[in-house]
Amino acid sequence: MAGRNKKTEKVNNFEETIREYLNKAKDKLEKELTGTREAIRLIAGEKTRDFIQITDRGLDKDEREMLCAIIVSSMYQSFCYGYGIGKIEGSTRSKVLL
């Protein structure tokens, strides 16, 4: 039972730490990394155009904006997870596998 509690405690500590780093990454992205935000928006715009071209389907302005917003939010999330995992790996000196 003691081994189980240690394992649960370790998982809880990891989850708390990753949440903390995710929030830090989000704050950095919103407040400091304007170039990164702009690059993400430009890439999302390109991916939206690629989608329209590949699927040979027209999207109206609202649909294009929604698709672009979905791509942007996914890229923001990926950035935040990458930042958080990198921080954990740097502090623990071991790889994080999810």
Foldseek 3Di string as FASTA:
>chain_A
DVVVVVVVVVVVVLVVQLVVQLVVLLCCVVPPPPVVLVVQLVVLLVVLVVVCVVVVHDDDPVVSVVSSVVSSVVVSNVRSNVRSQVVVCVVVVDHDDD
